Amino acid sequence: MAHIFLDESGQFTKDGDSRYFVIASFTVGDPRRTEKQFRAWQRAKFPRKMRNQPEIKFSAVDIDDTLRLATVRFISELDVRIRYSYLDRHNIPEDYRHKSSIRSGELYTAVVGETVADYAPSIDKELRIFCDQRHLKRVTRAMFRDKLTARLLPTMPTGSVIQVEMVDSTTSANIQVADWIVGALARFLNSKRLGEDFHSLLKGNIVGGKELFKDSWTARILTHKKPDA
């Protein structure tokens, strides 16, 4: 059985001065062991008032970058194998736009699908995908599960089973690990403070990364270009 945990950074609309929306995922041999190790690190290394909190996020204001770097270094030693996708917020295709708004539920579903598809073809006959709990506009959880299943099932052995769950991150240390991974990668991709350092810590764990809809802006320009007189 293979387990995939994933989380995202920010929103599809403008997020401060961050250009890229990032989704990061990871697999690990023993998810329970990873949970226990992350909780043990939290209790040993974080400020006293944070040691028993149900959730510790990369973006927490009560920690500094020294602790962030140490925690990402610790995560890199947990045998996690990372795949990620990112997109330029300006490159969101017309298919996911409606007037001045973004079809965020459909776009999120597509981006997750593209990210987890890179784990295929898989020899595992049972695959469990865990995402952070998120409201998907105009996409029910059942629709989300069905679309991911339809995306992956043809690449898997006959008789395979795919389980997709949205879980509350406060109850899952593995989702919190995904939050730390995506936070570190977002720092790097958006050229933020210490981004190169965070990437250097994780690069040995990264098995794949790609930009989505890279040519979308060019396509939009060509589509709307007036014909020659």
C-alpha atoms as a PDB file:
ATOM      1  CA  MET A   1       0.000   0.000   0.000  1.00  0.00           C
ATOM      2  CA  ALA A   2       1.269   3.457  -0.931  1.00  0.00           C
ATOM      3  CA  HIS A   3       0.396   6.612   1.019  1.00  0.00           C
ATOM      4  CA  ILE A   4       0.587  10.115  -0.473  1.00  0.00           C
ATOM      5  CA  PHE A   5       0.244  13.229   1.686  1.00  0.00           C
ATOM      6  CA  LEU A   6      -0.058  16.686   0.176  1.00  0.00           C
ATOM      7  CA  ASP A   7      -0.663  20.325   0.996  1.00  0.00           C
ATOM      8  CA  GLU A   8      -0.632  23.651  -0.820  1.00  0.00           C
ATOM      9  CA  SER A   9       0.680  27.161  -0.278  1.00  0.00           C
ATOM     10  CA  GLY A  10      -1.640  30.143  -0.386  1.00  0.00           C
ATOM     11  CA  GLN A  11      -4.542  30.793  -2.735  1.00  0.00           C
ATOM     12  CA  PHE A  12      -4.930  30.966  -6.508  1.00  0.00           C
ATOM     13  CA  THR A  13      -5.677  34.665  -6.339  1.00  0.00           C
ATOM     14  CA  LYS A  14      -2.929  37.136  -5.438  1.00  0.00           C
ATOM     15  CA  ASP A  15      -1.112  36.102  -2.267  1.00  0.00           C
ATOM     16  CA  GLY A  16       0.991  39.050  -1.172  1.00  0.00           C
ATOM     17  CA  ASP A  17       4.029  39.251  -3.425  1.00  0.00           C
ATOM     18  CA  SER A  18       4.167  35.495  -4.076  1.00  0.00           C
ATOM     19  CA  ARG A  19       4.053  34.737  -7.779  1.00  0.00           C
ATOM     20  CA  TYR A  20       3.630  30.979  -7.586  1.00  0.00           C
ATOM     21  CA  PHE A  21       0.984  28.697  -6.120  1.00  0.00           C
ATOM     22  CA  VAL A  22       2.658  25.479  -4.985  1.00  0.00           C
ATOM     23  CA  ILE A  23       1.414  21.989  -4.152  1.00  0.00           C
ATOM     24  CA  ALA A  24       3.838  19.539  -2.551  1.00  0.00           C
ATOM     25  CA  SER A  25       3.332  15.856  -1.844  1.00  0.00           C
ATOM     26  CA  PHE A  26       5.388  13.105  -0.303  1.00  0.00           C
ATOM     27  CA  THR A  27       5.425   9.376   0.210  1.00  0.00           C
ATOM     28  CA  VAL A  28       7.162   7.566   3.018  1.00  0.00           C
ATOM     29  CA  GLY A  29       7.676   3.931   3.909  1.00  0.00           C
ATOM     30  CA  ASP A  30       6.040   4.048   7.349  1.00  0.00           C
ATOM     31  CA  PRO A  31       3.536   6.927   7.848  1.00  0.00           C
ATOM     32  CA  ARG A  32       2.953   6.110  11.527  1.00  0.00           C
ATOM     33  CA  ARG A  33       6.643   6.304  12.252  1.00  0.00           C
ATOM     34  CA  THR A  34       6.861   9.683  10.501  1.00  0.00           C
ATOM     35  CA  GLU A  35       3.971  11.018  12.597  1.00  0.00           C
ATOM     36  CA  LYS A  36       5.613   9.885  15.830  1.00  0.00           C
ATOM     37  CA  GLN A  37       8.990  11.336  14.865  1.00  0.00           C
ATOM     38  CA  PHE A  38       7.521  14.713  13.913  1.00  0.00           C
ATOM     39  CA  ARG A  39       5.558  14.910  17.183  1.00  0.00           C
ATOM     40  CA  ALA A  40       8.671  13.976  19.159  1.00  0.00           C
ATOM     41  CA  TRP A  41      10.610  16.754  17.384  1.00  0.00           C
ATOM     42  CA  GLN A  42       7.836  19.222  18.168  1.00  0.00           C
ATOM     43  CA  ARG A  43       7.878  18.363  21.871  1.00  0.00           C
ATOM     44  CA  ALA A  44      11.664  18.530  22.074  1.00  0.00           C
ATOM     45  CA  LYS A  45      12.566  21.518  19.896  1.00  0.00           C
ATOM     46  CA  PHE A  46       9.692  23.984  19.730  1.00  0.00           C
ATOM     47  CA  PRO A  47       8.992  26.757  22.265  1.00  0.00           C
ATOM     48  CA  ARG A  48       7.367  25.407  25.415  1.00  0.00           C
ATOM     49  CA  LYS A  49       3.954  26.926  24.677  1.00  0.00           C
ATOM     50  CA  MET A  50       3.885  25.211  21.252  1.00  0.00           C
ATOM     51  CA  ARG A  51       5.020  21.745  22.260  1.00  0.00           C
ATOM     52  CA  ASN A  52       1.548  20.319  22.780  1.00  0.00           C
ATOM     53  CA  GLN A  53      -0.335  22.256  20.117  1.00  0.00           C
ATOM     54  CA  PRO A  54      -2.327  20.035  17.745  1.00  0.00           C
ATOM     55  CA  GLU A  55      -0.849  21.791  14.716  1.00  0.00           C
ATOM     56  CA  ILE A  56       2.488  23.431  13.957  1.00  0.00           C
ATOM     57  CA  LYS A  57       2.631  25.275  10.640  1.00  0.00           C
ATOM     58  CA  PHE A  58       5.644  26.471   8.671  1.00  0.00           C
ATOM     59  CA  SER A  59       4.179  29.988   8.632  1.00  0.00           C
ATOM     60  CA  ALA A  60       3.620  30.203  12.407  1.00  0.00           C
ATOM     61  CA  VAL A  61       4.631  33.657  13.654  1.00  0.00           C
ATOM     62  CA  ASP A  62       5.983  32.358  16.969  1.00  0.00           C
ATOM     63  CA  ILE A  63       8.992  30.624  15.407  1.00  0.00           C
ATOM     64  CA  ASP A  64      12.038  32.011  13.636  1.00  0.00           C
ATOM     65  CA  ASP A  65      13.889  30.922  10.517  1.00  0.00           C
ATOM     66  CA  THR A  66      16.589  29.180  12.534  1.00  0.00           C
ATOM     67  CA  LEU A  67      13.982  26.749  13.859  1.00  0.00           C
ATOM     68  CA  ARG A  68      12.341  26.525  10.433  1.00  0.00           C
ATOM     69  CA  LEU A  69      15.628  25.494   8.849  1.00  0.00           C
ATOM     70  CA  ALA A  70      16.314  22.974  11.609  1.00  0.00           C
ATOM     71  CA  THR A  71      12.840  21.472  11.227  1.00  0.00           C
ATOM     72  CA  VAL A  72      13.123  21.190   7.440  1.00  0.00           C
ATOM     73  CA  ARG A  73      16.530  19.556   7.899  1.00  0.00           C
ATOM     74  CA  PHE A  74      14.921  17.085  10.311  1.00  0.00           C
ATOM     75  CA  ILE A  75      12.131  16.332   7.801  1.00  0.00           C
ATOM     76  CA  SER A  76      14.723  15.698   5.093  1.00  0.00           C
ATOM     77  CA  GLU A  77      16.108  12.900   7.270  1.00  0.00           C
ATOM     78  CA  LEU A  78      12.750  11.089   7.518  1.00  0.00           C
ATOM     79  CA  ASP A  79      13.111   9.222   4.197  1.00  0.00           C
ATOM     80  CA  VAL A  80      10.371  11.316   2.570  1.00  0.00           C
ATOM     81  CA  ARG A  81      10.204  11.285  -1.236  1.00  0.00           C
ATOM     82  CA  ILE A  82       8.838  14.557  -2.583  1.00  0.00           C
ATOM     83  CA  ARG A  83       7.002  15.508  -5.766  1.00  0.00           C
ATOM     84  CA  TYR A  84       5.641  18.992  -6.319  1.00  0.00           C
ATOM     85  CA  SER A  85       3.858  21.145  -8.875  1.00  0.00           C
ATOM     86  CA  TYR A  86       3.577  24.904  -9.135  1.00  0.00           C
ATOM     87  CA  LEU A  87       1.871  27.455 -11.318  1.00  0.00           C
ATOM     88  CA  ASP A  88       2.246  31.130 -12.031  1.00  0.00           C
ATOM     89  CA  ARG A  89      -0.940  32.819 -10.841  1.00  0.00           C
ATOM     90  CA  HIS A  90      -0.938  34.869 -14.062  1.00  0.00           C
ATOM     91  CA  ASN A  91      -0.957  31.686 -16.164  1.00  0.00           C
ATOM     92  CA  ILE A  92      -4.251  30.194 -14.997  1.00  0.00           C
ATOM     93  CA  PRO A  93      -5.994  28.987 -18.190  1.00  0.00           C
ATOM     94  CA  GLU A  94      -9.274  30.433 -19.431  1.00  0.00           C
ATOM     95  CA  ASP A  95     -10.952  27.083 -18.685  1.00  0.00           C
ATOM     96  CA  TYR A  96     -10.623  27.903 -14.981  1.00  0.00           C
ATOM     97  CA  ARG A  97     -11.699  31.538 -15.205  1.00  0.00           C
ATOM     98  CA  HIS A  98     -15.162  33.044 -15.106  1.00  0.00           C
ATOM     99  CA  LYS A  99     -15.296  36.788 -15.680  1.00  0.00           C
ATOM    100  CA  SER A 100     -13.062  38.220 -12.947  1.00  0.00           C
ATOM    101  CA  SER A 101     -13.049  35.146 -10.695  1.00  0.00           C
ATOM    102  CA  ILE A 102     -11.236  31.804 -10.614  1.00  0.00           C
ATOM    103  CA  ARG A 103     -13.007  28.435 -10.696  1.00  0.00           C
ATOM    104  CA  SER A 104     -10.905  27.489  -7.705  1.00  0.00           C
ATOM    105  CA  GLY A 105     -12.513  24.131  -6.938  1.00  0.00           C
ATOM    106  CA  GLU A 106     -12.026  22.820 -10.462  1.00  0.00           C
ATOM    107  CA  LEU A 107      -8.517  24.256 -10.671  1.00  0.00           C
ATOM    108  CA  TYR A 108      -7.443  22.745  -7.352  1.00  0.00           C
ATOM    109  CA  THR A 109      -8.795  19.356  -8.424  1.00  0.00           C
ATOM    110  CA  ALA A 110      -6.854  19.551 -11.694  1.00  0.00           C
ATOM    111  CA  VAL A 111      -3.612  20.617 -10.004  1.00  0.00           C
ATOM    112  CA  VAL A 112      -3.810  17.833  -7.418  1.00  0.00           C
ATOM    113  CA  GLY A 113      -4.551  15.364 -10.214  1.00  0.00           C
ATOM    114  CA  GLU A 114      -1.496  16.463 -12.183  1.00  0.00           C
ATOM    115  CA  THR A 115       0.687  16.215  -9.080  1.00  0.00           C
ATOM    116  CA  VAL A 116      -0.342  12.732  -7.959  1.00  0.00           C
ATOM    117  CA  ALA A 117      -0.359  11.448 -11.562  1.00  0.00           C
ATOM    118  CA  ASP A 118       3.427  11.611 -11.462  1.00  0.00           C
ATOM    119  CA  TYR A 119       3.409   8.692  -9.023  1.00  0.00           C
ATOM    120  CA  ALA A 120       2.045   6.491 -11.820  1.00  0.00           C
ATOM    121  CA  PRO A 121       2.473   3.927 -13.132  1.00  0.00           C
ATOM    122  CA  SER A 122       2.432   2.258  -9.755  1.00  0.00           C
ATOM    123  CA  ILE A 123       2.967  -1.383  -8.879  1.00  0.00           C
ATOM    124  CA  ASP A 124       0.960  -0.897  -5.683  1.00  0.00           C
ATOM    125  CA  LYS A 125      -2.615  -2.151  -5.957  1.00  0.00           C
ATOM    126  CA  GLU A 126      -3.808   0.070  -3.127  1.00  0.00           C
ATOM    127  CA  LEU A 127      -3.189   3.815  -3.051  1.00  0.00           C
ATOM    128  CA  ARG A 128      -4.286   6.218  -0.326  1.00  0.00           C
ATOM    129  CA  ILE A 129      -4.155   9.970  -0.939  1.00  0.00           C
ATOM    130  CA  PHE A 130      -4.515  12.414   1.956  1.00  0.00           C
ATOM    131  CA  CYS A 131      -5.152  16.132   1.367  1.00  0.00           C
ATOM    132  CA  ASP A 132      -5.625  18.959   3.822  1.00  0.00           C
ATOM    133  CA  GLN A 133      -9.268  19.794   4.419  1.00  0.00           C
ATOM    134  CA  ARG A 134     -10.285  22.541   2.004  1.00  0.00           C
ATOM    135  CA  HIS A 135     -13.536  24.017   0.709  1.00  0.00           C
ATOM    136  CA  LEU A 136     -13.765  23.432  -3.027  1.00  0.00           C
ATOM    137  CA  LYS A 137     -16.096  25.857  -4.754  1.00  0.00           C
ATOM    138  CA  ARG A 138     -18.614  23.969  -6.927  1.00  0.00           C
ATOM    139  CA  VAL A 139     -16.778  20.677  -6.400  1.00  0.00           C
ATOM    140  CA  THR A 140     -18.113  18.233  -3.818  1.00  0.00           C
ATOM    141  CA  ARG A 141     -15.800  15.849  -2.016  1.00  0.00           C
ATOM    142  CA  ALA A 142     -17.364  12.987  -3.958  1.00  0.00           C
ATOM    143  CA  MET A 143     -16.606  14.755  -7.248  1.00  0.00           C
ATOM    144  CA  PHE A 144     -13.051  15.424  -6.084  1.00  0.00           C
ATOM    145  CA  ARG A 145     -12.525  11.748  -5.223  1.00  0.00           C
ATOM    146  CA  ASP A 146     -14.074  10.562  -8.485  1.00  0.00           C
ATOM    147  CA  LYS A 147     -11.932  12.854 -10.635  1.00  0.00           C
ATOM    148  CA  LEU A 148      -8.691  11.799  -8.945  1.00  0.00           C
ATOM    149  CA  THR A 149      -9.667   8.143  -9.172  1.00  0.00           C
ATOM    150  CA  ALA A 150     -10.488   8.488 -12.872  1.00  0.00           C
ATOM    151  CA  ARG A 151      -7.148  10.210 -13.430  1.00  0.00           C
ATOM    152  CA  LEU A 152      -5.087   7.495 -11.728  1.00  0.00           C
ATOM    153  CA  LEU A 153      -6.899   4.178 -12.116  1.00  0.00           C
ATOM    154  CA  PRO A 154      -5.980   3.555 -15.789  1.00  0.00           C
ATOM    155  CA  THR A 155      -2.281   3.661 -14.846  1.00  0.00           C
ATOM    156  CA  MET A 156      -2.567   1.073 -12.068  1.00  0.00           C
ATOM    157  CA  PRO A 157      -2.771  -2.740 -12.084  1.00  0.00           C
ATOM    158  CA  THR A 158      -6.159  -4.376 -12.660  1.00  0.00           C
ATOM    159  CA  GLY A 159      -8.192  -4.594  -9.467  1.00  0.00           C
ATOM    160  CA  SER A 160      -6.456  -1.649  -7.808  1.00  0.00           C
ATOM    161  CA  VAL A 161      -8.148   0.438  -5.121  1.00  0.00           C
ATOM    162  CA  ILE A 162      -7.701   4.191  -4.707  1.00  0.00           C
ATOM    163  CA  GLN A 163      -8.792   5.973  -1.547  1.00  0.00           C
ATOM    164  CA  VAL A 164      -8.887   9.778  -1.398  1.00  0.00           C
ATOM    165  CA  GLU A 165      -9.417  11.556   1.918  1.00  0.00           C
ATOM    166  CA  MET A 166      -9.559  15.179   3.002  1.00  0.00           C
ATOM    167  CA  VAL A 167      -8.436  15.325   6.613  1.00  0.00           C
ATOM    168  CA  ASP A 168      -8.230  17.992   9.289  1.00  0.00           C
ATOM    169  CA  SER A 169      -4.547  18.888   9.489  1.00  0.00           C
ATOM    170  CA  THR A 170      -4.779  19.292  13.271  1.00  0.00           C
ATOM    171  CA  THR A 171      -5.312  15.523  13.480  1.00  0.00           C
ATOM    172  CA  SER A 172      -2.582  14.504  11.022  1.00  0.00           C
ATOM    173  CA  ALA A 173       1.102  15.148  11.636  1.00  0.00           C
ATOM    174  CA  ASN A 174       1.840  13.887   8.117  1.00  0.00           C
ATOM    175  CA  ILE A 175      -0.278  16.648   6.594  1.00  0.00           C
ATOM    176  CA  GLN A 176       1.685  19.068   8.777  1.00  0.00           C
ATOM    177  CA  VAL A 177       4.918  17.615   7.388  1.00  0.00           C
ATOM    178  CA  ALA A 178       3.520  18.322   3.904  1.00  0.00           C
ATOM    179  CA  ASP A 179       2.786  21.894   5.048  1.00  0.00           C
ATOM    180  CA  TRP A 180       6.423  22.347   6.057  1.00  0.00           C
ATOM    181  CA  ILE A 181       7.654  20.912   2.773  1.00  0.00           C
ATOM    182  CA  VAL A 182       5.408  23.128   0.661  1.00  0.00           C
ATOM    183  CA  GLY A 183       6.249  26.170   2.794  1.00  0.00           C
ATOM    184  CA  ALA A 184       9.956  25.602   2.221  1.00  0.00           C
ATOM    185  CA  LEU A 185       9.505  25.044  -1.522  1.00  0.00           C
ATOM    186  CA  ALA A 186       7.303  28.137  -1.830  1.00  0.00           C
ATOM    187  CA  ARG A 187      10.092  30.187  -0.225  1.00  0.00           C
ATOM    188  CA  PHE A 188      12.469  28.859  -2.882  1.00  0.00           C
ATOM    189  CA  LEU A 189      10.196  29.169  -5.920  1.00  0.00           C
ATOM    190  CA  ASN A 190       9.085  32.678  -4.961  1.00  0.00           C
ATOM    191  CA  SER A 191      12.684  33.786  -4.321  1.00  0.00           C
ATOM    192  CA  LYS A 192      11.974  34.598  -0.687  1.00  0.00           C
ATOM    193  CA  ARG A 193      14.328  34.839   2.281  1.00  0.00           C
ATOM    194  CA  LEU A 194      16.502  31.707   2.711  1.00  0.00           C
ATOM    195  CA  GLY A 195      14.703  30.007  -0.171  1.00  0.00           C
ATOM    196  CA  GLU A 196      17.938  28.573  -1.554  1.00  0.00           C
ATOM    197  CA  ASP A 197      18.814  27.187   1.883  1.00  0.00           C
ATOM    198  CA  PHE A 198      15.456  25.469   2.251  1.00  0.00           C
ATOM    199  CA  HIS A 199      15.738  23.970  -1.226  1.00  0.00           C
ATOM    200  CA  SER A 200      19.271  22.769  -0.540  1.00  0.00           C
ATOM    201  CA  LEU A 201      18.014  20.849   2.494  1.00  0.00           C
ATOM    202  CA  LEU A 202      15.235  19.119   0.543  1.00  0.00           C
ATOM    203  CA  LYS A 203      16.804  18.589  -2.878  1.00  0.00           C
ATOM    204  CA  GLY A 204      18.047  15.105  -1.976  1.00  0.00           C
ATOM    205  CA  ASN A 205      14.449  14.078  -1.229  1.00  0.00           C
ATOM    206  CA  ILE A 206      12.908  15.576  -4.369  1.00  0.00           C
ATOM    207  CA  VAL A 207      12.143  13.029  -7.086  1.00  0.00           C
ATOM    208  CA  GLY A 208      10.077  15.316  -9.310  1.00  0.00           C
ATOM    209  CA  GLY A 209       8.853  18.871  -9.784  1.00  0.00           C
ATOM    210  CA  LYS A 210       7.112  20.665 -12.634  1.00  0.00           C
ATOM    211  CA  GLU A 211       5.459  23.919 -13.623  1.00  0.00           C
ATOM    212  CA  LEU A 212       1.836  23.641 -14.758  1.00  0.00           C
ATOM    213  CA  PHE A 213       0.154  25.697 -17.501  1.00  0.00           C
ATOM    214  CA  LYS A 214       3.527  27.149 -18.416  1.00  0.00           C
ATOM    215  CA  ASP A 215       2.411  28.265 -21.874  1.00  0.00           C
ATOM    216  CA  SER A 216      -1.070  29.405 -20.889  1.00  0.00           C
ATOM    217  CA  TRP A 217      -0.298  33.148 -20.975  1.00  0.00           C
ATOM    218  CA  THR A 218       1.178  32.879 -24.475  1.00  0.00           C
ATOM    219  CA  ALA A 219      -1.869  30.924 -25.622  1.00  0.00           C
ATOM    220  CA  ARG A 220      -4.199  33.577 -24.197  1.00  0.00           C
ATOM    221  CA  ILE A 221      -2.348  36.331 -26.048  1.00  0.00           C
ATOM    222  CA  LEU A 222      -2.505  34.419 -29.340  1.00  0.00           C
ATOM    223  CA  THR A 223      -6.182  33.596 -28.858  1.00  0.00           C
ATOM    224  CA  HIS A 224      -7.113  37.239 -28.332  1.00  0.00           C
ATOM    225  CA  LYS A 225      -4.739  38.689 -30.933  1.00  0.00           C
ATOM    226  CA  LYS A 226      -6.507  40.608 -33.675  1.00  0.00           C
ATOM    227  CA  PRO A 227      -6.038  39.188 -37.196  1.00  0.00           C
ATOM    228  CA  ASP A 228      -3.855  41.140 -39.601  1.00  0.00           C
ATOM    229  CA  ALA A 229      -5.738  43.776 -41.567  1.00  0.00           C
END
